[in-house]
Amino acid sequence: MDNTTALLGLLGAGASYGYDLKNSYDRWFGVKKPLALGQVYTTLARLIRYGWIEALGEEAGAGPDRKRYGITPAGRERVMEWMFTPEVPSETLQSNLFAKTIIALLLDDDAGRMLDLQRAQHMARMRQVTAEKKGAPLATVLVCDHALFHIEADLRWIDLTAARLSQLRAEMTR
């Protein structure tokens, strides 16, 4: 995920302080991997350099002064460009799972066993993600559904590849 543009997009919804911005990011995108506060401020400094945000002023508090940040017209344009540029599915058609299958066959090892182990891992993860959906807010349910669809695609690939291992092994030995 593009943390920089996501933070910029959050600022597009309204001016904010770094700490509050981190909390918004974590609420929407960082459930499993919260953003480090230091990364927020590093990103904010970069966004200022790009001319996409500006510091709107400082406010005294118990600790250091708090800076409030707002998006610039150029920043809003960048968010719009990012939002409406379709994501390209993986440009490389390689994956670790595919590589492990080929290597297992090249080493004359049990590629079927490797695929079975991977299937079990995928099924366990599918159960975890499904459990996370129960009673969760809609945003979390949608993130979980996205993950589940990817897991399902991998499982279909694992089943198809397991069924074709003999044919693949024969093609590789030619």
Protein backbone atom coordinates (compact mmCIF):
# COMPACT_ATOMS: atom_id res chain seq x y z
CA MET A 1 0.00 0.00 0.00
CA ASP A 2 1.18 3.52 -0.78
CA ASN A 3 1.39 5.10 2.69
CA THR A 4 2.43 8.48 1.32
CA THR A 5 -0.59 8.94 -0.90
CA ALA A 6 -2.93 7.45 1.71
CA LEU A 7 -1.75 10.06 4.24
CA LEU A 8 -2.13 12.76 1.60
CA GLY A 9 -5.67 11.53 0.92
CA LEU A 10 -6.52 11.65 4.62
CA LEU A 11 -5.37 15.28 4.67
CA GLY A 12 -7.66 15.88 1.70
CA ALA A 13 -10.58 15.13 4.03
CA GLY A 14 -9.47 17.95 6.33
CA ALA A 15 -6.47 19.59 7.94
CA SER A 16 -4.92 17.60 10.76
CA TYR A 17 -2.06 17.27 13.21
CA GLY A 18 0.55 14.54 12.75
CA TYR A 19 -0.60 12.50 15.74
CA ASP A 20 -4.25 12.68 14.69
CA LEU A 21 -3.28 11.78 11.14
CA LYS A 22 -1.48 8.68 12.43
CA ASN A 23 -4.60 7.66 14.38
CA SER A 24 -6.79 8.08 11.28
CA TYR A 25 -4.34 6.06 9.19
CA ASP A 26 -4.21 3.28 11.79
CA ARG A 27 -8.00 3.24 12.07
CA TRP A 28 -8.54 2.75 8.34
CA PHE A 29 -5.39 1.04 7.09
CA GLY A 30 -3.16 0.00 9.98
CA VAL A 31 -5.26 -2.50 11.85
CA LYS A 32 -2.60 -5.21 11.44
CA LYS A 33 0.37 -2.92 10.94
CA PRO A 34 0.09 0.54 12.52
CA LEU A 35 2.17 3.30 11.02
CA ALA A 36 5.13 4.44 13.12
CA LEU A 37 4.76 8.03 14.33
CA GLY A 38 8.25 8.83 13.04
CA GLN A 39 7.23 7.64 9.58
CA VAL A 40 4.25 10.01 9.65
CA TYR A 41 6.47 13.03 10.30
CA THR A 42 9.05 11.93 7.73
CA THR A 43 6.27 11.58 5.18
CA LEU A 44 4.78 14.97 6.12
CA ALA A 45 8.19 16.60 5.57
CA ARG A 46 8.43 14.96 2.15
CA LEU A 47 4.89 16.05 1.23
CA ILE A 48 5.80 19.64 2.13
CA ARG A 49 8.91 19.42 -0.10
CA TYR A 50 6.74 18.18 -2.97
CA GLY A 51 4.39 21.12 -2.44
CA TRP A 52 1.44 18.80 -1.78
CA ILE A 53 0.78 19.98 1.79
CA GLU A 54 1.59 22.99 3.91
CA ALA A 55 1.96 23.70 7.60
CA LEU A 56 -1.03 25.81 8.62
CA GLY A 57 0.30 26.93 11.99
CA GLU A 58 1.40 25.73 15.37
CA GLU A 59 -0.45 25.26 18.61
CA ALA A 60 1.17 25.14 22.03
CA GLY A 61 0.52 22.05 24.09
CA ALA A 62 1.92 20.17 27.06
CA GLY A 63 4.84 18.97 24.91
CA PRO A 64 6.34 20.40 21.74
CA ASP A 65 4.23 22.74 19.63
CA ARG A 66 1.75 20.88 17.43
CA LYS A 67 1.82 21.67 13.72
CA ARG A 68 -1.39 21.52 11.74
CA TYR A 69 -1.11 20.39 8.12
CA GLY A 70 -3.40 20.97 5.17
CA ILE A 71 -3.45 19.80 1.58
CA THR A 72 -2.58 22.17 -1.27
CA PRO A 73 -4.31 22.28 -4.66
CA ALA A 74 -1.32 20.36 -6.11
CA GLY A 75 -1.74 17.76 -3.36
CA ARG A 76 -5.44 17.41 -4.08
CA GLU A 77 -4.58 16.95 -7.77
CA ARG A 78 -2.08 14.23 -6.82
CA VAL A 79 -4.73 12.40 -4.76
CA MET A 80 -7.19 12.55 -7.67
CA GLU A 81 -4.56 11.22 -10.07
CA TRP A 82 -3.74 8.37 -7.67
CA MET A 83 -7.40 7.49 -7.00
CA PHE A 84 -8.42 7.36 -10.64
CA THR A 85 -5.38 5.55 -12.01
CA PRO A 86 -6.34 1.87 -12.11
CA GLU A 87 -4.05 -0.51 -10.25
CA VAL A 88 -2.14 -2.82 -12.55
CA PRO A 89 -2.28 -6.44 -11.44
CA SER A 90 1.16 -7.80 -10.63
CA GLU A 91 3.43 -6.94 -13.53
CA THR A 92 5.50 -10.06 -13.03
CA LEU A 93 3.82 -13.38 -13.43
CA GLN A 94 6.09 -14.95 -10.85
CA SER A 95 5.32 -15.79 -7.26
CA ASN A 96 7.16 -17.56 -4.47
CA LEU A 97 4.61 -20.36 -4.61
CA PHE A 98 5.29 -20.92 -8.32
CA ALA A 99 9.06 -20.75 -7.72
CA LYS A 100 8.85 -23.29 -4.89
CA THR A 101 6.89 -25.66 -7.15
CA ILE A 102 9.50 -25.45 -9.92
CA ILE A 103 12.42 -25.83 -7.50
CA ALA A 104 10.77 -28.84 -5.83
CA LEU A 105 10.44 -30.48 -9.24
CA LEU A 106 13.99 -29.57 -10.27
CA LEU A 107 15.30 -31.07 -7.02
CA ASP A 108 13.15 -34.17 -7.64
CA ASP A 109 11.49 -33.49 -4.32
CA ASP A 110 7.85 -33.89 -3.31
CA ALA A 111 6.16 -30.88 -4.94
CA GLY A 112 2.75 -32.35 -4.04
CA ARG A 113 3.66 -32.34 -0.34
CA MET A 114 4.86 -28.75 -0.62
CA LEU A 115 1.54 -27.75 -2.24
CA ASP A 116 -0.40 -29.64 0.46
CA LEU A 117 1.49 -27.76 3.19
CA GLN A 118 0.79 -24.47 1.44
CA ARG A 119 -2.90 -25.37 1.04
CA ALA A 120 -3.12 -26.06 4.79
CA GLN A 121 -1.48 -22.71 5.55
CA HIS A 122 -3.88 -20.90 3.22
CA MET A 123 -6.87 -22.65 4.78
CA ALA A 124 -5.71 -21.69 8.29
CA ARG A 125 -5.30 -18.07 7.21
CA MET A 126 -8.73 -18.17 5.57
CA ARG A 127 -10.27 -19.29 8.88
CA GLN A 128 -8.48 -16.47 10.75
CA VAL A 129 -9.60 -13.80 8.30
CA THR A 130 -13.16 -15.13 8.28
CA ALA A 131 -13.24 -14.95 12.10
CA GLU A 132 -12.00 -11.34 11.96
CA LYS A 133 -15.09 -10.39 9.93
CA LYS A 134 -17.56 -11.40 12.66
CA GLY A 135 -19.01 -8.25 14.22
CA ALA A 136 -16.41 -6.03 12.53
CA PRO A 137 -17.17 -2.64 10.98
CA LEU A 138 -17.91 -2.70 7.25
CA ALA A 139 -14.46 -1.27 6.34
CA THR A 140 -12.79 -4.20 8.12
CA VAL A 141 -15.17 -6.68 6.49
CA LEU A 142 -14.26 -5.30 3.06
CA VAL A 143 -10.52 -5.57 3.76
CA CYS A 144 -11.04 -9.14 4.94
CA ASP A 145 -13.10 -9.97 1.83
CA HIS A 146 -10.27 -8.66 -0.35
CA ALA A 147 -7.80 -10.91 1.45
CA LEU A 148 -10.17 -13.89 1.25
CA PHE A 149 -10.60 -13.52 -2.51
CA HIS A 150 -6.80 -13.54 -2.93
CA ILE A 151 -6.50 -16.62 -0.73
CA GLU A 152 -9.24 -18.33 -2.75
CA ALA A 153 -7.40 -17.57 -5.98
CA ASP A 154 -4.21 -19.07 -4.55
CA LEU A 155 -6.12 -22.16 -3.42
CA ARG A 156 -7.57 -22.63 -6.91
CA TRP A 157 -4.05 -22.31 -8.34
CA ILE A 158 -2.69 -24.82 -5.82
CA ASP A 159 -5.40 -27.36 -6.72
CA LEU A 160 -4.91 -26.88 -10.46
CA THR A 161 -1.13 -27.14 -10.18
CA ALA A 162 -1.33 -30.24 -7.96
CA ALA A 163 -3.49 -31.88 -10.63
CA ARG A 164 -0.91 -31.00 -13.30
CA LEU A 165 2.33 -31.88 -11.46
CA SER A 166 2.99 -35.02 -13.50
CA GLN A 167 2.55 -33.12 -16.76
CA LEU A 168 4.76 -30.25 -15.54
CA ARG A 169 7.46 -32.68 -14.37
CA ALA A 170 7.40 -34.35 -17.80
CA GLU A 171 7.70 -31.01 -19.61
CA MET A 172 10.63 -29.99 -17.40
CA THR A 173 12.61 -33.15 -18.17
CA ARG A 174 12.41 -32.76 -21.95
